[in-house]
Amino acid sequence: FACGMCNGFRIYNTEPLKEKERQDFPGESGSGGAMGGVRLIEMLYRCNYVGLAFSNNPKYPPNKAVIWDDVKKKFVIEMEFASEVLAIRLRREKIVIGLHTAVKVFTFTQPPSLLHVFESSPNPHGLIALCPSSDRQLLAFPGHSSGSVALADLGQPDRPKGQSANLLHAHEGRLAALSMNSRGTLLATASEKGTLIRVFQLPQQQQQQPQLLHELRRGSQPARVYCVTFSSDSGLLCAASDRGTVHVFRLDYNDQQLSQRASGESQQQQHHALEASPATAAASVAKFFSQVTSVARLPIQPGVPTVCAFGQDSLGRTCSLIAITASGNYLKFKLGPGSISDQVHREVYTNYLDMTQDSNN
């Protein structure tokens, strides 16, 4: 994972926790200070390219996004926009930039070429989900209506540059969190109310309609959901909120079962249009989904932005949950097999900001 700092950035190995890279940017000649805080940071997998956006920097104002090459130790791509950059997402062949009311897609080349421009509703949280799979180039972001998700397949070779994205009506209120599983077959969403998380199965073909699989009950009190994340096999989902809790949910379908389910139901869904009214969408998928409550609730620092993800053992089985907070805390919870709620304990609690490359264990 990567952490933006007031004078640069740091990159850490997640498990075991270890600082891997530290990059400080000096200020302009004669300024005596740092270049300016790194406001956004996005890694391209584990390779040498890092997407950055700065704050309080005359050379790199908030409306600029840059790509840093950590091998060459220099900026290799710079992009300037008419408004503040709110999100950066990277694939090996594409750069995706989130703005306040638009999402722009570029080639990962020097210089970048503009491929697509999509309009969105106001997106202050910079919500964008980009499938990392080499088999699918699916992009999700807030649609033009409140609570909707726009879906675009960037891998379509004949997709017109100005073609609009398809819409999925996920919530009545504005979106607060958005996440896709690694294969691009599931989408999880949360609204600003934060009491429900919805999980949709995404179709393999554009003319098919996403299906609501689960409504996950986070709680009855409103909360700011910071992130939602699937496990590698899509059998579990975790959600962190400002209520000081990470909820873990067990889903009914893993990746293999989803593939079988999709092939068996594709013929039934082909006649449905993807874009529908909220009432029509709810009626058409009501028979497919189940409501699920969390199987574990793990304590974290309340009110502090937190990201969370699942860890794996040497056999690829989900064995832990890791939470990383903006205040510098690293928490690792051990998940036992079977009934998760009975076999969870906190294994590590430390501050990753106190680590240095020289002091790593």
Protein backbone atom coordinates (compact mmCIF):
# COMPACT_ATOMS: atom_id res chain seq x y z
CA PHE A 1 0.00 0.00 0.00
CA ALA A 2 1.06 3.60 -0.54
CA CYS A 3 0.81 6.63 1.72
CA GLY A 4 0.99 10.28 0.62
CA MET A 5 2.99 12.53 2.92
CA CYS A 6 3.48 16.27 3.33
CA ASN A 7 6.87 15.98 1.61
CA GLY A 8 6.54 12.90 -0.65
CA PHE A 9 5.26 9.35 -0.36
CA ARG A 10 6.03 5.95 1.16
CA ILE A 11 5.26 2.45 -0.08
CA TYR A 12 4.85 -0.49 2.29
CA ASN A 13 4.61 -4.23 1.99
CA THR A 14 1.35 -5.19 3.65
CA GLU A 15 2.08 -8.64 5.05
CA PRO A 16 4.52 -8.72 6.68
CA LEU A 17 4.49 -4.98 7.27
CA LYS A 18 7.65 -3.43 5.87
CA GLU A 19 8.60 -0.10 4.35
CA LYS A 20 9.71 -0.73 0.77
CA GLU A 21 10.22 2.74 -0.67
CA ARG A 22 10.48 6.31 0.59
CA GLN A 23 10.46 9.22 -1.85
CA ASP A 24 10.87 12.80 -0.65
CA PHE A 25 10.42 15.70 -3.05
CA PRO A 26 12.55 18.78 -2.33
CA GLY A 27 11.05 22.23 -2.75
CA GLU A 28 11.89 24.71 -5.47
CA SER A 29 15.42 26.11 -5.43
CA GLY A 30 15.69 28.73 -2.73
CA SER A 31 12.32 27.87 -1.13
CA GLY A 32 13.87 25.87 1.69
CA GLY A 33 10.82 23.64 1.94
CA ALA A 34 9.20 20.57 0.43
CA MET A 35 7.50 20.39 -2.94
CA GLY A 36 4.05 20.10 -1.36
CA GLY A 37 1.87 17.41 0.10
CA VAL A 38 0.89 14.33 -1.92
CA ARG A 39 -2.90 14.48 -1.88
CA LEU A 40 -3.63 11.43 -4.05
CA ILE A 41 -1.49 8.38 -4.72
CA GLU A 42 -2.23 5.34 -6.88
CA MET A 43 0.08 2.39 -7.50
CA LEU A 44 0.12 0.41 -10.74
CA TYR A 45 0.10 -3.05 -9.15
CA ARG A 46 3.61 -3.55 -7.73
CA CYS A 47 5.55 -1.99 -10.59
CA ASN A 48 7.56 1.25 -10.77
CA TYR A 49 4.78 3.64 -11.89
CA VAL A 50 2.89 5.72 -9.32
CA GLY A 51 0.10 8.22 -10.03
CA LEU A 52 0.19 11.39 -7.91
CA ALA A 53 -1.70 14.62 -7.32
CA PHE A 54 -0.31 17.35 -5.05
CA SER A 55 -1.72 20.12 -2.87
CA ASN A 56 -0.27 23.58 -2.20
CA ASN A 57 2.28 23.28 -4.98
CA PRO A 58 2.77 26.05 -7.56
CA LYS A 59 4.33 23.69 -10.12
CA TYR A 60 1.82 20.90 -9.61
CA PRO A 61 -1.50 22.53 -8.60
CA PRO A 62 -4.60 20.46 -7.67
CA ASN A 63 -5.77 20.35 -11.31
CA LYS A 64 -2.67 18.38 -12.38
CA ALA A 65 -2.02 14.62 -12.30
CA VAL A 66 1.46 13.18 -12.77
CA ILE A 67 2.99 9.73 -13.22
CA TRP A 68 6.21 9.07 -11.29
CA ASP A 69 8.70 6.45 -12.52
CA ASP A 70 10.39 5.10 -9.40
CA VAL A 71 13.18 3.44 -11.41
CA LYS A 72 14.13 6.61 -13.30
CA LYS A 73 13.28 8.74 -10.24
CA LYS A 74 11.44 11.35 -12.26
CA PHE A 75 8.00 12.41 -13.49
CA VAL A 76 7.37 10.86 -16.90
CA ILE A 77 3.79 12.03 -17.60
CA GLU A 78 2.02 15.26 -16.66
CA MET A 79 -1.67 16.01 -17.33
CA GLU A 80 -3.53 19.25 -16.65
CA PHE A 81 -7.29 19.69 -16.38
CA ALA A 82 -9.83 22.48 -15.99
CA SER A 83 -10.83 21.37 -12.47
CA GLU A 84 -9.35 19.59 -9.45
CA VAL A 85 -8.20 15.99 -9.90
CA LEU A 86 -10.19 13.84 -7.45
CA ALA A 87 -9.10 10.33 -8.44
CA ILE A 88 -6.39 8.50 -10.37
CA ARG A 89 -6.74 4.87 -11.47
CA LEU A 90 -4.16 2.93 -13.45
CA ARG A 91 -4.04 -0.10 -15.71
CA ARG A 92 -1.03 -1.15 -17.76
CA GLU A 93 -2.55 0.37 -20.88
CA LYS A 94 -4.83 3.12 -19.49
CA ILE A 95 -4.91 6.10 -17.13
CA VAL A 96 -8.29 7.06 -15.64
CA ILE A 97 -8.77 10.51 -14.11
CA GLY A 98 -11.76 11.43 -11.96
CA LEU A 99 -12.90 15.07 -11.94
CA HIS A 100 -15.84 16.70 -10.16
CA THR A 101 -18.40 15.89 -12.86
CA ALA A 102 -16.45 13.84 -15.40
CA VAL A 103 -14.24 10.79 -15.84
CA LYS A 104 -11.53 10.87 -18.52
CA VAL A 105 -9.71 7.84 -19.92
CA PHE A 106 -6.28 8.11 -21.57
CA THR A 107 -3.73 5.76 -23.08
CA PHE A 108 -0.76 4.98 -20.81
CA THR A 109 1.69 6.53 -23.26
CA GLN A 110 3.93 9.57 -23.52
CA PRO A 111 2.13 11.76 -24.32
CA PRO A 112 -1.25 10.26 -23.27
CA SER A 113 -4.06 10.24 -25.82
CA LEU A 114 -7.65 10.89 -24.76
CA LEU A 115 -9.85 7.83 -25.37
CA HIS A 116 -13.14 8.56 -23.57
CA VAL A 117 -14.92 11.29 -21.63
CA PHE A 118 -17.85 10.28 -19.42
CA GLU A 119 -20.14 12.67 -17.59
CA SER A 120 -20.91 11.90 -13.95
CA SER A 121 -22.92 13.34 -11.11
CA PRO A 122 -20.91 15.47 -8.63
CA ASN A 123 -18.25 13.10 -7.29
CA PRO A 124 -16.50 14.81 -4.35
CA HIS A 125 -15.17 11.49 -2.99
CA GLY A 126 -13.50 10.61 -6.30
CA LEU A 127 -15.33 7.27 -6.52
CA ILE A 128 -14.03 5.14 -9.39
CA ALA A 129 -13.73 1.34 -9.62
CA LEU A 130 -11.51 -0.06 -12.37
CA CYS A 131 -11.30 -3.81 -12.91
CA PRO A 132 -7.64 -4.95 -12.73
CA SER A 133 -8.22 -8.18 -14.67
CA SER A 134 -6.47 -8.57 -18.02
CA ASP A 135 -9.64 -10.26 -19.31
CA ARG A 136 -11.98 -7.36 -18.57
CA GLN A 137 -11.62 -3.58 -18.69
CA LEU A 138 -14.75 -2.57 -16.80
CA LEU A 139 -15.05 0.94 -15.34
CA ALA A 140 -17.62 2.04 -12.73
CA PHE A 141 -18.29 5.54 -11.38
CA PRO A 142 -21.27 7.63 -10.14
CA GLY A 143 -23.88 8.05 -12.87
CA HIS A 144 -25.64 11.28 -13.79
CA SER A 145 -28.57 10.59 -11.43
CA SER A 146 -28.28 10.37 -7.64
CA GLY A 147 -27.47 6.86 -6.39
CA SER A 148 -26.76 5.45 -9.85
CA VAL A 149 -23.60 3.74 -11.07
CA ALA A 150 -22.32 4.20 -14.62
CA LEU A 151 -20.71 1.12 -16.20
CA ALA A 152 -18.44 1.25 -19.24
CA ASP A 153 -16.50 -1.57 -20.89
CA LEU A 154 -13.24 0.03 -22.01
CA GLY A 155 -12.16 -3.15 -23.75
CA GLN A 156 -14.70 -2.84 -26.57
CA PRO A 157 -12.57 -2.17 -29.67
CA ASP A 158 -15.47 -0.59 -31.55
CA ARG A 159 -16.73 1.60 -28.69
CA PRO A 160 -17.31 5.16 -30.02
CA LYS A 161 -15.37 7.86 -28.17
CA GLY A 162 -18.51 9.78 -27.22
CA GLN A 163 -20.69 6.80 -26.29
CA SER A 164 -22.31 7.18 -22.88
CA ALA A 165 -22.01 4.61 -20.12
CA ASN A 166 -24.83 2.28 -19.06
CA LEU A 167 -26.61 2.98 -15.78
CA LEU A 168 -27.34 0.82 -12.76
CA HIS A 169 -29.69 2.35 -10.15
CA ALA A 170 -28.13 1.17 -6.89
CA HIS A 171 -29.38 3.55 -4.15
CA GLU A 172 -31.80 6.39 -3.57
CA GLY A 173 -29.13 8.66 -2.06
CA ARG A 174 -25.70 9.67 -3.31
CA LEU A 175 -22.94 7.08 -3.40
CA ALA A 176 -20.26 7.00 -0.69
CA ALA A 177 -18.30 3.85 -1.62
CA LEU A 178 -17.78 1.78 -4.75
CA SER A 179 -15.73 -1.37 -5.29
CA MET A 180 -15.31 -4.16 -7.83
CA ASN A 181 -13.91 -7.65 -7.30
CA SER A 182 -10.70 -8.67 -9.05
CA ARG A 183 -12.47 -10.40 -11.96
CA GLY A 184 -14.99 -7.63 -12.60
CA THR A 185 -17.98 -9.90 -11.94
CA LEU A 186 -19.22 -8.23 -8.72
CA LEU A 187 -19.84 -4.62 -7.74
CA ALA A 188 -20.38 -3.40 -4.17
CA THR A 189 -21.96 -0.02 -3.42
CA ALA A 190 -22.84 2.04 -0.34
CA SER A 191 -24.79 5.29 -0.14
CA GLU A 192 -24.11 8.29 2.07
CA LYS A 193 -26.65 6.92 4.57
CA GLY A 194 -24.34 3.96 5.09
CA THR A 195 -26.77 1.45 6.58
CA LEU A 196 -26.86 -0.95 3.59
CA ILE A 197 -24.23 -2.26 1.21
CA ARG A 198 -25.52 -3.75 -2.02
CA VAL A 199 -23.69 -6.36 -4.08
CA PHE A 200 -24.53 -6.77 -7.78
CA GLN A 201 -23.49 -9.43 -10.24
CA LEU A 202 -22.21 -7.72 -13.37
CA PRO A 203 -23.16 -9.19 -16.76
CA GLN A 204 -20.67 -10.44 -19.31
CA GLN A 205 -22.52 -8.65 -22.11
CA GLN A 206 -23.58 -5.02 -22.31
CA GLN A 207 -27.21 -5.79 -23.17
CA GLN A 208 -27.69 -7.84 -20.00
CA GLN A 209 -28.82 -6.35 -16.71
CA PRO A 210 -26.82 -6.46 -13.43
CA GLN A 211 -28.52 -8.52 -10.74
CA LEU A 212 -28.76 -7.62 -7.08
CA LEU A 213 -27.31 -10.57 -5.15
CA HIS A 214 -27.09 -9.24 -1.59
CA GLU A 215 -28.17 -6.46 0.72
CA LEU A 216 -25.60 -6.37 3.51
CA ARG A 217 -26.84 -4.79 6.72
CA ARG A 218 -24.00 -2.67 8.17
CA GLY A 219 -26.17 -1.21 10.93
CA SER A 220 -29.28 0.80 11.68
CA GLN A 221 -27.50 4.11 12.39
CA PRO A 222 -26.17 6.31 9.55
CA ALA A 223 -22.44 6.07 8.97
CA ARG A 224 -19.79 7.27 6.54
CA VAL A 225 -18.56 4.15 4.76
CA TYR A 226 -14.89 4.62 3.94
CA CYS A 227 -14.33 1.53 1.83
CA VAL A 228 -15.75 -1.84 0.76
CA THR A 229 -13.44 -4.64 -0.42
CA PHE A 230 -13.92 -8.19 -1.70
CA SER A 231 -11.69 -11.12 -0.80
CA SER A 232 -9.64 -12.64 -3.63
CA ASP A 233 -12.19 -15.44 -4.21
CA SER A 234 -15.18 -13.05 -3.73
CA GLY A 235 -16.50 -15.16 -0.86
CA LEU A 236 -16.10 -12.41 1.75
CA LEU A 237 -16.57 -8.64 1.82
CA CYS A 238 -15.36 -6.13 4.40
CA ALA A 239 -16.54 -2.57 5.02
CA ALA A 240 -14.95 0.12 7.20
CA SER A 241 -16.92 3.09 8.52
CA ASP A 242 -16.55 6.11 10.78
CA ARG A 243 -18.42 4.24 13.52
CA GLY A 244 -15.14 2.58 14.53
CA THR A 245 -15.97 -0.84 13.07
CA VAL A 246 -14.96 -3.05 10.18
CA HIS A 247 -17.81 -5.40 9.27
CA VAL A 248 -17.05 -8.73 7.60
CA PHE A 249 -19.77 -10.39 5.51
CA ARG A 250 -19.85 -13.88 4.10
CA LEU A 251 -21.32 -13.97 0.58
CA ASP A 252 -23.28 -16.87 -0.89
CA TYR A 253 -21.29 -17.05 -4.11
CA ASN A 254 -17.58 -17.41 -4.83
CA ASP A 255 -16.02 -16.83 -8.26
CA GLN A 256 -16.61 -20.38 -9.52
CA GLN A 257 -20.26 -20.40 -8.45
CA LEU A 258 -20.78 -16.97 -10.00
CA SER A 259 -19.49 -18.21 -13.36
CA GLN A 260 -21.89 -21.16 -13.27
CA ARG A 261 -24.75 -18.90 -12.21
CA ALA A 262 -24.04 -16.38 -14.96
CA SER A 263 -23.96 -19.00 -17.71
CA GLY A 264 -27.21 -20.53 -16.51
CA GLU A 265 -29.12 -17.24 -16.34
CA SER A 266 -27.67 -15.29 -19.25
CA GLN A 267 -30.38 -16.38 -21.67
CA GLN A 268 -33.09 -15.29 -19.25
CA GLN A 269 -31.63 -11.80 -18.87
CA GLN A 270 -30.79 -10.89 -22.47
CA HIS A 271 -34.16 -9.28 -23.18
CA HIS A 272 -33.79 -6.76 -20.32
CA ALA A 273 -32.38 -3.29 -20.96
CA LEU A 274 -29.60 -2.30 -18.57
CA GLU A 275 -31.00 1.13 -17.79
CA ALA A 276 -34.26 1.04 -15.84
CA SER A 277 -36.11 3.09 -13.27
CA PRO A 278 -35.36 2.31 -9.58
CA ALA A 279 -38.83 0.78 -9.14
CA THR A 280 -38.47 -1.42 -12.24
CA ALA A 281 -34.95 -2.48 -11.27
CA ALA A 282 -36.05 -3.38 -7.74
CA ALA A 283 -38.98 -5.45 -9.03
CA SER A 284 -36.89 -7.33 -11.60
CA VAL A 285 -34.16 -8.43 -9.19
CA ALA A 286 -36.06 -8.84 -5.92
CA LYS A 287 -36.26 -12.63 -6.29
CA PHE A 288 -32.50 -13.01 -6.73
CA PHE A 289 -30.98 -11.28 -3.70
CA SER A 290 -30.66 -12.18 -0.04
CA GLN A 291 -30.17 -9.89 2.95
CA VAL A 292 -27.06 -10.69 4.99
CA THR A 293 -25.77 -9.50 8.36
CA SER A 294 -22.08 -9.38 9.24
CA VAL A 295 -20.32 -12.47 10.62
CA ALA A 296 -17.69 -10.36 12.41
CA ARG A 297 -17.26 -6.80 13.68
CA LEU A 298 -13.70 -5.66 14.22
CA PRO A 299 -12.84 -2.52 16.24
CA ILE A 300 -10.88 0.33 14.64
CA GLN A 301 -10.34 4.01 15.49
CA PRO A 302 -13.67 5.85 15.02
CA GLY A 303 -13.89 8.89 12.78
CA VAL A 304 -10.57 8.23 10.99
CA PRO A 305 -10.57 7.33 7.26
CA THR A 306 -9.65 3.66 6.95
CA VAL A 307 -9.05 1.19 4.15
CA CYS A 308 -9.26 -2.56 4.68
CA ALA A 309 -8.46 -5.71 2.73
CA PHE A 310 -8.12 -9.47 3.17
CA GLY A 311 -4.82 -11.34 3.46
CA GLN A 312 -4.05 -14.84 2.17
CA ASP A 313 -1.93 -17.76 3.34
CA SER A 314 0.56 -19.67 1.15
CA LEU A 315 -2.30 -21.77 -0.29
CA GLY A 316 -4.30 -18.72 -1.37
CA ARG A 317 -6.90 -19.05 1.38
CA THR A 318 -8.27 -15.94 3.10
CA CYS A 319 -6.73 -15.93 6.56
CA SER A 320 -6.61 -12.34 7.81
CA LEU A 321 -8.05 -8.86 7.56
CA ILE A 322 -5.81 -5.81 7.48
CA ALA A 323 -6.99 -2.28 8.27
CA ILE A 324 -4.88 0.80 7.56
CA THR A 325 -5.89 4.21 8.92
CA ALA A 326 -5.04 7.74 7.83
CA SER A 327 -3.63 8.36 11.32
CA GLY A 328 -0.89 5.76 10.69
CA ASN A 329 -2.32 2.70 12.42
CA TYR A 330 -1.85 -0.80 10.98
CA LEU A 331 -4.13 -3.52 12.36
CA LYS A 332 -4.07 -7.19 11.41
CA PHE A 333 -6.89 -9.50 12.51
CA LYS A 334 -6.51 -13.25 12.23
CA LEU A 335 -9.57 -14.96 10.71
CA GLY A 336 -10.15 -18.58 11.58
CA PRO A 337 -11.83 -21.08 9.26
CA GLY A 338 -15.52 -21.84 9.51
CA SER A 339 -17.48 -19.51 11.79
CA ILE A 340 -15.53 -16.27 11.52
CA SER A 341 -17.30 -14.57 14.42
CA ASP A 342 -15.98 -17.17 16.90
CA GLN A 343 -12.39 -17.17 15.67
CA VAL A 344 -11.17 -13.59 15.25
CA HIS A 345 -8.37 -11.98 17.22
CA ARG A 346 -6.16 -8.97 16.69
CA GLU A 347 -2.67 -10.17 15.87
CA VAL A 348 -0.83 -6.90 15.09
CA TYR A 349 -1.35 -3.28 16.11
CA THR A 350 1.38 -0.80 15.22
CA ASN A 351 2.06 2.56 13.59
CA TYR A 352 3.48 2.24 10.09
CA LEU A 353 4.55 5.91 9.99
CA ASP A 354 7.15 5.18 12.69
CA MET A 355 8.87 2.62 10.48
CA THR A 356 11.92 3.28 8.33
CA GLN A 357 13.69 1.11 5.79
CA ASP A 358 16.61 0.76 8.22
CA SER A 359 14.40 -0.30 11.15
CA ASN A 360 12.28 -2.91 9.33
CA ASN A 361 12.22 -6.32 10.95
